[in-house]
Amino acid sequence: MSRTYKVIDLRSTIIDPEPMMVTASTPEEAVRLQLDLELVRAGERGDLLARVYWTERSGVTNMVRLYRRVRGTA
C-alpha cells in the first residue's frame, strides 16, 4: 500500500524548511526515491541521515529515523 511520506534530509547542517513529499510503500523506499540513499532503521546518532513522517488515516502522525548502513551488516 502506497502512502505519502515527508522526507527530511539531515545530511546538511541546514535543514530545508520545505520537506520533500514522496509516494512510496515504505519510509526506506521514500528515502531511496527522494535522496538516492539505502538507509536502515537502526544505527548510531552520528549515522542519522533522514527522518521520515507520515500520517495514518486516524490522524496519528508517525516518524522513523533512518541511518547509514554500517559496512558488514545485512
N, C-alpha and C. Protein backbone atom coordinates (compact mmCIF):
# COMPACT_ATOMS: atom_id res chain seq x y z
N MET A 1 0.83 -1.17 0.00
CA MET A 1 0.00 0.00 0.00
C MET A 1 0.89 1.25 0.00
N SER A 2 0.66 2.13 -0.93
CA SER A 2 1.45 3.36 -1.03
C SER A 2 0.90 4.42 -0.09
N ARG A 3 1.81 5.23 0.43
CA ARG A 3 1.48 6.36 1.30
C ARG A 3 2.29 7.55 0.83
N THR A 4 1.89 8.71 1.30
CA THR A 4 2.70 9.90 1.07
C THR A 4 3.55 10.13 2.30
N TYR A 5 4.86 10.23 2.09
CA TYR A 5 5.82 10.43 3.16
C TYR A 5 6.46 11.80 3.04
N LYS A 6 6.79 12.38 4.18
CA LYS A 6 7.53 13.63 4.23
C LYS A 6 8.96 13.29 4.63
N VAL A 7 9.91 13.54 3.74
CA VAL A 7 11.31 13.18 3.96
C VAL A 7 12.10 14.42 4.38
N ILE A 8 12.79 14.32 5.51
CA ILE A 8 13.66 15.39 5.99
C ILE A 8 15.10 14.93 5.84
N ASP A 9 15.86 15.62 5.00
CA ASP A 9 17.26 15.29 4.72
C ASP A 9 18.13 15.92 5.82
N LEU A 10 18.83 15.08 6.58
CA LEU A 10 19.65 15.56 7.70
C LEU A 10 21.14 15.56 7.37
N ARG A 11 21.50 15.41 6.10
CA ARG A 11 22.92 15.36 5.74
C ARG A 11 23.61 16.71 5.88
N SER A 12 22.88 17.78 5.86
CA SER A 12 23.45 19.13 5.95
C SER A 12 23.19 19.70 7.34
N THR A 13 23.95 20.71 7.71
CA THR A 13 23.70 21.38 8.99
C THR A 13 22.48 22.29 8.90
N ILE A 14 22.08 22.64 7.67
CA ILE A 14 20.89 23.46 7.46
C ILE A 14 19.78 22.55 6.92
N ILE A 15 18.69 22.46 7.68
CA ILE A 15 17.57 21.61 7.26
C ILE A 15 16.61 22.45 6.42
N ASP A 16 16.29 21.96 5.24
CA ASP A 16 15.38 22.64 4.33
C ASP A 16 14.00 22.77 4.99
N PRO A 17 13.46 23.99 5.11
CA PRO A 17 12.16 24.16 5.75
C PRO A 17 11.01 23.57 4.94
N GLU A 18 11.23 23.31 3.65
CA GLU A 18 10.22 22.70 2.80
C GLU A 18 10.53 21.21 2.66
N PRO A 19 9.86 20.36 3.44
CA PRO A 19 10.15 18.92 3.34
C PRO A 19 9.77 18.37 1.97
N MET A 20 10.45 17.29 1.60
CA MET A 20 10.19 16.64 0.33
C MET A 20 9.07 15.63 0.52
N MET A 21 8.02 15.70 -0.28
CA MET A 21 6.92 14.76 -0.22
C MET A 21 7.09 13.74 -1.33
N VAL A 22 6.89 12.46 -0.99
CA VAL A 22 7.05 11.40 -1.98
C VAL A 22 6.06 10.28 -1.66
N THR A 23 5.54 9.64 -2.70
CA THR A 23 4.65 8.50 -2.53
C THR A 23 5.48 7.23 -2.67
N ALA A 24 5.37 6.35 -1.66
CA ALA A 24 6.16 5.11 -1.64
C ALA A 24 5.45 4.08 -0.77
N SER A 25 6.00 2.86 -0.76
CA SER A 25 5.43 1.78 0.04
C SER A 25 5.94 1.78 1.47
N THR A 26 7.19 2.23 1.67
CA THR A 26 7.82 2.23 2.99
C THR A 26 8.63 3.51 3.17
N PRO A 27 8.95 3.86 4.42
CA PRO A 27 9.82 5.02 4.63
C PRO A 27 11.19 4.84 3.95
N GLU A 28 11.72 3.62 3.99
CA GLU A 28 13.01 3.36 3.35
C GLU A 28 12.94 3.60 1.85
N GLU A 29 11.84 3.17 1.22
CA GLU A 29 11.68 3.40 -0.21
C GLU A 29 11.53 4.90 -0.50
N ALA A 30 10.84 5.62 0.36
CA ALA A 30 10.69 7.06 0.17
C ALA A 30 12.04 7.76 0.14
N VAL A 31 12.92 7.39 1.06
CA VAL A 31 14.27 7.98 1.09
C VAL A 31 15.07 7.56 -0.13
N ARG A 32 14.95 6.31 -0.52
CA ARG A 32 15.68 5.83 -1.71
C ARG A 32 15.24 6.60 -2.95
N LEU A 33 13.94 6.82 -3.10
CA LEU A 33 13.43 7.54 -4.26
C LEU A 33 13.81 9.02 -4.23
N GLN A 34 13.73 9.63 -3.06
CA GLN A 34 13.95 11.07 -2.95
C GLN A 34 15.42 11.46 -2.85
N LEU A 35 16.20 10.69 -2.07
CA LEU A 35 17.60 11.07 -1.81
C LEU A 35 18.61 10.12 -2.44
N ASP A 36 18.14 9.05 -3.05
CA ASP A 36 19.01 8.04 -3.66
C ASP A 36 19.98 7.45 -2.63
N LEU A 37 19.43 7.12 -1.44
CA LEU A 37 20.21 6.52 -0.36
C LEU A 37 19.54 5.24 0.11
N GLU A 38 20.34 4.24 0.46
CA GLU A 38 19.83 3.00 1.06
C GLU A 38 20.09 3.10 2.56
N LEU A 39 19.04 3.36 3.33
CA LEU A 39 19.19 3.55 4.77
C LEU A 39 18.44 2.48 5.54
N VAL A 40 18.78 2.36 6.83
CA VAL A 40 18.16 1.36 7.70
C VAL A 40 17.61 2.05 8.94
N ARG A 41 16.75 1.34 9.69
CA ARG A 41 16.07 1.94 10.84
C ARG A 41 16.88 1.93 12.13
N ALA A 42 17.97 1.22 12.18
CA ALA A 42 18.77 1.15 13.40
C ALA A 42 20.17 1.68 13.11
N GLY A 43 20.71 2.42 14.06
CA GLY A 43 22.06 2.93 13.89
C GLY A 43 22.45 3.84 15.03
N GLU A 44 23.61 4.44 14.89
CA GLU A 44 24.12 5.35 15.91
C GLU A 44 23.85 6.79 15.50
N ARG A 45 23.80 7.66 16.48
CA ARG A 45 23.44 9.06 16.26
C ARG A 45 24.25 9.70 15.13
N GLY A 46 25.53 9.42 15.05
CA GLY A 46 26.38 10.01 14.02
C GLY A 46 26.06 9.53 12.62
N ASP A 47 25.32 8.44 12.50
CA ASP A 47 24.95 7.88 11.19
C ASP A 47 23.54 8.28 10.76
N LEU A 48 22.86 9.12 11.53
CA LEU A 48 21.50 9.55 11.21
C LEU A 48 21.51 10.45 9.98
N LEU A 49 20.76 10.07 8.94
CA LEU A 49 20.76 10.83 7.69
C LEU A 49 19.39 11.37 7.30
N ALA A 50 18.31 10.79 7.84
CA ALA A 50 16.98 11.25 7.43
C ALA A 50 15.95 10.93 8.50
N ARG A 51 14.91 11.77 8.53
CA ARG A 51 13.70 11.47 9.29
C ARG A 51 12.57 11.43 8.28
N VAL A 52 11.65 10.50 8.50
CA VAL A 52 10.53 10.34 7.57
C VAL A 52 9.23 10.34 8.39
N TYR A 53 8.28 11.18 7.98
CA TYR A 53 6.99 11.31 8.65
C TYR A 53 5.87 10.87 7.72
N TRP A 54 4.80 10.35 8.31
CA TRP A 54 3.57 10.07 7.57
C TRP A 54 2.42 10.10 8.55
N THR A 55 1.23 10.32 8.02
CA THR A 55 0.03 10.41 8.85
C THR A 55 -0.91 9.27 8.49
N GLU A 56 -1.35 8.56 9.52
CA GLU A 56 -2.31 7.47 9.35
C GLU A 56 -3.69 8.06 9.08
N ARG A 57 -4.60 7.23 8.57
CA ARG A 57 -5.97 7.69 8.32
C ARG A 57 -6.64 8.20 9.59
N SER A 58 -6.23 7.64 10.73
CA SER A 58 -6.81 8.05 12.02
C SER A 58 -6.34 9.44 12.45
N GLY A 59 -5.36 10.00 11.72
CA GLY A 59 -4.84 11.32 12.06
C GLY A 59 -3.56 11.28 12.88
N VAL A 60 -3.12 10.09 13.27
CA VAL A 60 -1.89 9.94 14.05
C VAL A 60 -0.68 10.10 13.13
N THR A 61 0.26 10.95 13.54
CA THR A 61 1.49 11.14 12.76
C THR A 61 2.58 10.23 13.32
N ASN A 62 3.28 9.54 12.42
CA ASN A 62 4.38 8.65 12.79
C ASN A 62 5.68 9.19 12.21
N MET A 63 6.81 8.79 12.83
CA MET A 63 8.12 9.21 12.35
C MET A 63 9.11 8.07 12.58
N VAL A 64 10.00 7.87 11.61
CA VAL A 64 11.12 6.96 11.80
C VAL A 64 12.40 7.70 11.46
N ARG A 65 13.46 7.32 12.15
CA ARG A 65 14.79 7.83 11.86
C ARG A 65 15.50 6.78 11.02
N LEU A 66 16.18 7.23 9.98
CA LEU A 66 16.89 6.29 9.11
C LEU A 66 18.38 6.63 9.10
N TYR A 67 19.18 5.57 9.17
CA TYR A 67 20.61 5.68 9.38
C TYR A 67 21.40 5.05 8.24
N ARG A 68 22.64 5.52 8.10
CA ARG A 68 23.58 4.93 7.15
C ARG A 68 23.81 3.47 7.55
N ARG A 69 23.83 2.60 6.55
CA ARG A 69 24.11 1.19 6.81
C ARG A 69 25.60 1.04 7.11
N VAL A 70 25.92 0.36 8.20
CA VAL A 70 27.31 0.13 8.59
C VAL A 70 27.86 -1.02 7.75
N ARG A 71 29.08 -0.88 7.27
CA ARG A 71 29.69 -1.95 6.46
C ARG A 71 29.70 -3.26 7.22
N GLY A 72 29.44 -4.32 6.49
CA GLY A 72 29.47 -5.65 7.08
C GLY A 72 28.14 -6.08 7.67
N THR A 73 27.10 -5.22 7.56
CA THR A 73 25.78 -5.62 8.06
C THR A 73 24.87 -5.87 6.88
N ALA A 74 23.87 -6.71 7.11
CA ALA A 74 22.95 -7.08 6.03
C ALA A 74 22.01 -5.98 5.65
